[in-house]
Amino acid sequence: MDPQLAQLVVNGLAVGSIIALASIGLTLTYGILRLSNFAHGDFMTLGAYLTLLVNTAGLNIWLSMLVGAGMTVLAVLASEKLIWSPMRARRANSTTLVIISIGLALFLRNGIILVWGGGNQSYNLPVSEAIPVWGLRIAYYDIVVTVLAVVAIAALHYLLQNTRIGKAMRAVADDIDLARVTGINVDRVVIWTWIIAGGLTALGGSMLGLVEAVRPNMGWFLILPLFAAVILGGIGNPYGAIAGALVIGVAQEVSTYWLPTEYKLGVALLLMVSVLLFRPQGLFRGMV
């Protein structure tokens, strides 16, 4: 393989790992809450900025990422309490929910600009050299984000397959009414869904801040690849979202071998439309 092409594949795996974490949160909120949350990318941005806030206050980057994720989860739970729970109580339709989520995205983005400004910022990190691997030079933080993503995904797998709340989440995703009849506390499942989705999304935003600048529109620019990954993998399936994210990440980076970088989002859009046309159920179906 051409070394340049191999380098792009490696870069794509790092990008795909970041997209995977955020797309898991997006697919969980749709699979369990039936909510297409267009504010998801901006919660990702919020996670990156809250990590920046703690990091610049003197805490090391790894603890800052955990604290930033926790603070983002609180913001996500506040949106559930103030917006989504009342909307479910009023049985708002999907169109109304989408419009509200877009409004929430604009509120978050402009709030971030108000507090932190519109310029690019970066974490307080030591300069690290690229690591040579099999003739390739892989950025140190690309390796870090990939490893962190694998650990987070393994923890999610354990939670979904081996814990009571994970099994309850799968039951609610399959049939919320049947789950409620069988005694599952659906409200508790909803809270845990937001906690997991918010935590993984914030972690994805922090990881994106490790490999590029922290800026107000970083999450918004990822919203199309996020939805593309969710649709490609099968809406509501977290494992499918992971697979779809890796495909999208690699496809976007490899496309720059032939196309200008400005077309990367176009590649994600093309993949999403192709899936909707030829396999609308995605690679997988439902939560497994």
Protein backbone atom coordinates (compact mmCIF):
# COMPACT_ATOMS: atom_id res chain seq x y z
CA MET A 1 0.00 0.00 0.00
CA ASP A 2 1.14 3.53 -0.75
CA PRO A 3 2.62 4.92 2.52
CA GLN A 4 0.59 8.09 2.18
CA LEU A 5 -2.61 6.08 1.79
CA ALA A 6 -1.68 3.91 4.77
CA GLN A 7 -1.07 7.05 6.82
CA LEU A 8 -4.54 8.33 5.91
CA VAL A 9 -6.11 5.02 6.98
CA VAL A 10 -4.40 5.29 10.37
CA ASN A 11 -5.55 8.90 10.73
CA GLY A 12 -9.05 7.81 9.79
CA LEU A 13 -9.11 5.22 12.56
CA ALA A 14 -8.32 7.94 15.11
CA VAL A 15 -11.04 10.20 13.69
CA GLY A 16 -13.45 7.25 13.56
CA SER A 17 -12.76 6.48 17.23
CA ILE A 18 -13.81 10.00 18.18
CA ILE A 19 -16.91 9.85 16.00
CA ALA A 20 -17.73 6.42 17.48
CA LEU A 21 -17.98 7.72 21.06
CA ALA A 22 -20.28 10.58 20.13
CA SER A 23 -22.38 8.48 17.72
CA ILE A 24 -23.02 5.90 20.47
CA GLY A 25 -24.66 8.64 22.52
CA LEU A 26 -26.67 9.81 19.52
CA THR A 27 -27.94 6.34 18.66
CA LEU A 28 -28.81 5.56 22.30
CA THR A 29 -30.95 8.69 22.64
CA TYR A 30 -32.78 7.79 19.44
CA GLY A 31 -33.12 4.08 20.19
CA ILE A 32 -34.47 4.60 23.71
CA LEU A 33 -36.01 8.09 23.66
CA ARG A 34 -36.89 8.31 19.95
CA LEU A 35 -35.12 11.67 19.83
CA SER A 36 -33.02 12.89 16.88
CA ASN A 37 -30.90 15.30 18.91
CA PHE A 38 -29.25 17.91 16.69
CA ALA A 39 -27.75 19.50 19.81
CA HIS A 40 -25.58 16.42 20.27
CA GLY A 41 -22.59 17.90 18.46
CA ASP A 42 -22.75 21.05 20.56
CA PHE A 43 -22.78 19.04 23.78
CA MET A 44 -19.64 17.48 22.37
CA THR A 45 -18.19 20.98 22.00
CA LEU A 46 -19.32 21.85 25.53
CA GLY A 47 -17.42 18.83 26.84
CA ALA A 48 -14.26 20.02 25.11
CA TYR A 49 -14.58 23.55 26.53
CA LEU A 50 -15.34 22.37 30.06
CA THR A 51 -12.24 20.17 29.84
CA LEU A 52 -10.33 23.25 28.67
CA LEU A 53 -11.70 25.25 31.62
CA VAL A 54 -10.51 22.72 34.18
CA ASN A 55 -7.22 22.04 32.39
CA THR A 56 -6.23 25.72 32.21
CA ALA A 57 -7.07 26.01 35.93
CA GLY A 58 -4.18 23.66 36.63
CA LEU A 59 -5.57 20.12 36.57
CA ASN A 60 -3.83 17.59 34.32
CA ILE A 61 -5.54 16.72 31.05
CA TRP A 62 -6.72 13.24 32.01
CA LEU A 63 -8.48 14.34 35.19
CA SER A 64 -9.75 17.39 33.30
CA MET A 65 -11.42 15.11 30.76
CA LEU A 66 -13.21 13.21 33.54
CA VAL A 67 -14.31 16.40 35.30
CA GLY A 68 -15.38 17.93 31.98
CA ALA A 69 -17.42 14.83 31.17
CA GLY A 70 -19.10 14.98 34.58
CA MET A 71 -20.00 18.65 34.13
CA THR A 72 -21.36 17.94 30.66
CA VAL A 73 -23.52 15.14 32.05
CA LEU A 74 -25.02 17.66 34.49
CA ALA A 75 -25.81 19.99 31.57
CA VAL A 76 -27.38 17.10 29.64
CA LEU A 77 -29.49 16.12 32.66
CA ALA A 78 -30.59 19.75 33.01
CA SER A 79 -31.79 19.70 29.39
CA GLU A 80 -33.72 16.50 30.16
CA LYS A 81 -35.38 18.08 33.21
CA LEU A 82 -36.17 21.44 31.61
CA ILE A 83 -36.90 20.47 28.01
CA TRP A 84 -37.20 16.82 27.04
CA SER A 85 -39.21 15.48 29.97
CA PRO A 86 -41.91 18.19 29.66
CA MET A 87 -42.02 17.62 25.90
CA ARG A 88 -42.57 13.87 26.38
CA ALA A 89 -45.30 14.63 28.93
CA ARG A 90 -47.03 16.78 26.30
CA ARG A 91 -46.48 14.05 23.67
CA ALA A 92 -44.66 16.46 21.34
CA ASN A 93 -44.21 15.05 17.83
CA SER A 94 -40.84 14.28 16.25
CA THR A 95 -40.82 17.46 14.14
CA THR A 96 -41.27 19.63 17.22
CA LEU A 97 -38.48 17.77 19.02
CA VAL A 98 -36.09 18.22 16.08
CA ILE A 99 -36.79 21.97 15.94
CA ILE A 100 -36.25 22.26 19.70
CA SER A 101 -32.96 20.36 19.45
CA ILE A 102 -31.74 22.73 16.73
CA GLY A 103 -32.66 25.68 18.94
CA LEU A 104 -30.79 24.08 21.85
CA ALA A 105 -27.75 23.61 19.60
CA LEU A 106 -27.76 27.31 18.69
CA PHE A 107 -28.19 28.26 22.37
CA LEU A 108 -25.21 26.12 23.42
CA ARG A 109 -22.95 27.32 20.59
CA ASN A 110 -23.63 30.98 21.17
CA GLY A 111 -23.31 30.51 24.93
CA ILE A 112 -19.86 29.01 24.37
CA ILE A 113 -18.88 31.96 22.16
CA LEU A 114 -20.18 34.38 24.82
CA VAL A 115 -18.07 32.75 27.56
CA TRP A 116 -14.94 31.64 25.71
CA GLY A 117 -14.96 33.75 22.54
CA GLY A 118 -14.91 32.59 18.94
CA GLY A 119 -11.19 31.98 18.51
CA ASN A 120 -9.33 28.67 18.49
CA GLN A 121 -7.92 27.49 21.82
CA SER A 122 -5.88 24.50 22.94
CA TYR A 123 -5.25 22.42 26.04
CA ASN A 124 -2.19 22.90 28.21
CA LEU A 125 -0.29 19.90 26.84
CA PRO A 126 3.38 19.05 26.46
CA VAL A 127 4.67 18.87 22.89
CA SER A 128 4.91 15.25 21.78
CA GLU A 129 6.70 13.76 18.81
CA ALA A 130 5.07 11.41 16.33
CA ILE A 131 5.83 7.74 16.95
CA PRO A 132 7.30 5.72 14.05
CA VAL A 133 5.35 2.49 13.45
CA TRP A 134 6.09 0.25 10.44
CA GLY A 135 7.35 3.13 8.38
CA LEU A 136 4.47 5.40 9.36
CA ARG A 137 4.58 8.32 11.75
CA ILE A 138 1.58 8.26 14.06
CA ALA A 139 0.78 11.25 16.23
CA TYR A 140 1.02 10.40 19.93
CA TYR A 141 -2.45 11.77 20.70
CA ASP A 142 -3.97 9.80 17.80
CA ILE A 143 -2.81 6.67 19.60
CA VAL A 144 -4.13 7.99 22.91
CA VAL A 145 -7.62 8.74 21.58
CA THR A 146 -7.86 5.35 19.89
CA VAL A 147 -6.89 3.52 23.09
CA LEU A 148 -9.28 5.64 25.17
CA ALA A 149 -12.10 4.92 22.72
CA VAL A 150 -11.45 1.16 22.89
CA VAL A 151 -11.53 1.25 26.72
CA ALA A 152 -14.75 3.32 26.77
CA ILE A 153 -16.44 1.03 24.22
CA ALA A 154 -15.41 -2.08 26.19
CA ALA A 155 -16.90 -0.54 29.35
CA LEU A 156 -20.13 0.24 27.48
CA HIS A 157 -20.30 -3.33 26.16
CA TYR A 158 -19.97 -4.69 29.69
CA LEU A 159 -22.65 -2.31 30.95
CA LEU A 160 -25.15 -3.21 28.22
CA GLN A 161 -24.61 -6.96 28.37
CA ASN A 162 -23.93 -7.69 32.04
CA THR A 163 -25.66 -5.13 34.24
CA ARG A 164 -29.27 -4.71 35.25
CA ILE A 165 -29.50 -1.18 33.88
CA GLY A 166 -27.96 -2.29 30.57
CA LYS A 167 -30.53 -5.06 30.16
CA ALA A 168 -33.29 -2.61 31.09
CA MET A 169 -32.04 -0.17 28.43
CA ARG A 170 -32.15 -2.91 25.80
CA ALA A 171 -35.68 -3.85 26.86
CA VAL A 172 -36.90 -0.25 26.68
CA ALA A 173 -35.29 0.16 23.24
CA ASP A 174 -37.15 -2.93 22.01
CA ASP A 175 -40.60 -2.00 23.39
CA ILE A 176 -41.06 0.76 25.94
CA ASP A 177 -44.67 -0.17 26.78
CA LEU A 178 -43.85 -3.84 27.32
CA ALA A 179 -40.84 -2.85 29.42
CA ARG A 180 -43.03 -0.66 31.63
CA VAL A 181 -45.62 -3.45 32.05
CA THR A 182 -42.93 -5.90 33.13
CA GLY A 183 -41.91 -3.59 35.96
CA ILE A 184 -38.90 -1.79 34.48
CA ASN A 185 -38.45 1.74 35.81
CA VAL A 186 -38.47 3.59 32.50
CA ASP A 187 -37.71 6.98 34.08
CA ARG A 188 -34.56 5.52 35.62
CA VAL A 189 -33.56 4.10 32.24
CA VAL A 190 -34.04 7.53 30.65
CA ILE A 191 -31.73 9.15 33.22
CA TRP A 192 -29.06 6.50 32.70
CA THR A 193 -29.36 6.91 28.94
CA TRP A 194 -28.60 10.62 29.26
CA ILE A 195 -25.73 9.96 31.68
CA ILE A 196 -24.08 7.46 29.33
CA ALA A 197 -24.77 9.49 26.19
CA GLY A 198 -23.57 12.73 27.78
CA GLY A 199 -20.45 11.17 29.24
CA LEU A 200 -19.37 9.47 26.01
CA THR A 201 -20.17 12.56 23.94
CA ALA A 202 -18.16 14.82 26.26
CA LEU A 203 -15.27 12.35 26.18
CA GLY A 204 -15.42 12.40 22.38
CA GLY A 205 -15.30 16.21 22.39
CA SER A 206 -12.32 16.23 24.76
CA MET A 207 -10.53 13.70 22.58
CA LEU A 208 -11.20 15.82 19.51
CA GLY A 209 -9.63 18.72 21.39
CA LEU A 210 -6.50 16.60 21.87
CA VAL A 211 -5.92 16.20 18.14
CA GLU A 212 -7.09 19.60 16.89
CA ALA A 213 -7.96 23.07 18.14
CA VAL A 214 -10.87 23.62 20.51
CA ARG A 215 -13.32 25.91 18.73
CA PRO A 216 -17.06 26.74 19.05
CA ASN A 217 -18.19 24.97 15.87
CA MET A 218 -16.12 21.79 16.25
CA GLY A 219 -19.10 19.64 17.26
CA TRP A 220 -21.48 21.21 14.75
CA PHE A 221 -19.14 20.29 11.90
CA LEU A 222 -19.26 16.69 13.12
CA ILE A 223 -23.05 16.41 13.25
CA LEU A 224 -23.29 15.12 9.66
CA PRO A 225 -20.63 12.41 10.15
CA LEU A 226 -22.34 11.48 13.44
CA PHE A 227 -25.73 10.97 11.79
CA ALA A 228 -24.06 9.21 8.86
CA ALA A 229 -22.37 6.77 11.27
CA VAL A 230 -25.64 6.12 13.12
CA ILE A 231 -27.58 5.52 9.89
CA LEU A 232 -24.83 3.39 8.38
CA GLY A 233 -24.63 1.20 11.47
CA GLY A 234 -28.37 0.93 12.00
CA ILE A 235 -30.34 3.48 14.01
CA GLY A 236 -30.56 2.51 17.66
CA ASN A 237 -27.68 0.01 17.57
CA PRO A 238 -24.58 1.17 19.51
CA TYR A 239 -22.35 -1.51 18.01
CA GLY A 240 -23.49 -0.57 14.53
CA ALA A 241 -22.74 3.08 15.34
CA ILE A 242 -19.17 2.10 16.23
CA ALA A 243 -18.72 0.19 12.97
CA GLY A 244 -20.33 3.00 10.98
CA ALA A 245 -18.13 5.61 12.68
CA LEU A 246 -14.94 3.75 11.78
CA VAL A 247 -16.09 3.43 8.17
CA ILE A 248 -16.97 7.13 8.00
CA GLY A 249 -13.72 8.21 9.67
CA VAL A 250 -11.53 6.14 7.35
CA ALA A 251 -13.56 7.05 4.24
CA GLN A 252 -13.31 10.78 4.99
CA GLU A 253 -9.56 10.73 5.56
CA VAL A 254 -8.77 8.40 2.62
CA SER A 255 -10.87 10.57 0.30
CA THR A 256 -8.30 13.36 0.72
CA TYR A 257 -5.85 11.17 -1.22
CA TRP A 258 -7.84 12.06 -4.35
CA LEU A 259 -10.02 15.01 -3.31
CA PRO A 260 -9.41 18.33 -1.52
CA THR A 261 -10.04 18.21 2.24
CA GLU A 262 -13.10 20.44 1.82
CA TYR A 263 -14.97 17.45 0.36
CA LYS A 264 -14.68 15.23 3.47
CA LEU A 265 -18.17 16.14 4.69
CA GLY A 266 -19.46 15.43 1.20
CA VAL A 267 -18.08 11.89 1.47
CA ALA A 268 -20.00 11.38 4.73
CA LEU A 269 -23.16 12.73 3.08
CA LEU A 270 -22.69 10.44 0.07
CA LEU A 271 -22.32 7.38 2.30
CA MET A 272 -25.40 8.34 4.32
CA VAL A 273 -27.57 8.89 1.25
CA SER A 274 -26.32 5.63 -0.33
CA VAL A 275 -27.28 3.67 2.79
CA LEU A 276 -30.72 5.31 2.92
CA LEU A 277 -31.29 4.42 -0.74
CA PHE A 278 -30.02 0.84 -0.81
CA ARG A 279 -30.10 -0.43 2.80
CA PRO A 280 -32.18 1.94 4.92
CA GLN A 281 -32.03 -0.38 7.95
CA GLY A 282 -28.24 0.03 8.05
CA LEU A 283 -25.64 -2.65 8.67
CA PHE A 284 -27.41 -3.78 11.85
CA ARG A 285 -30.87 -3.37 13.26
CA GLY A 286 -31.96 -2.45 16.77
CA MET A 287 -30.06 -2.64 20.03
CA VAL A 288 -28.42 -6.04 20.58
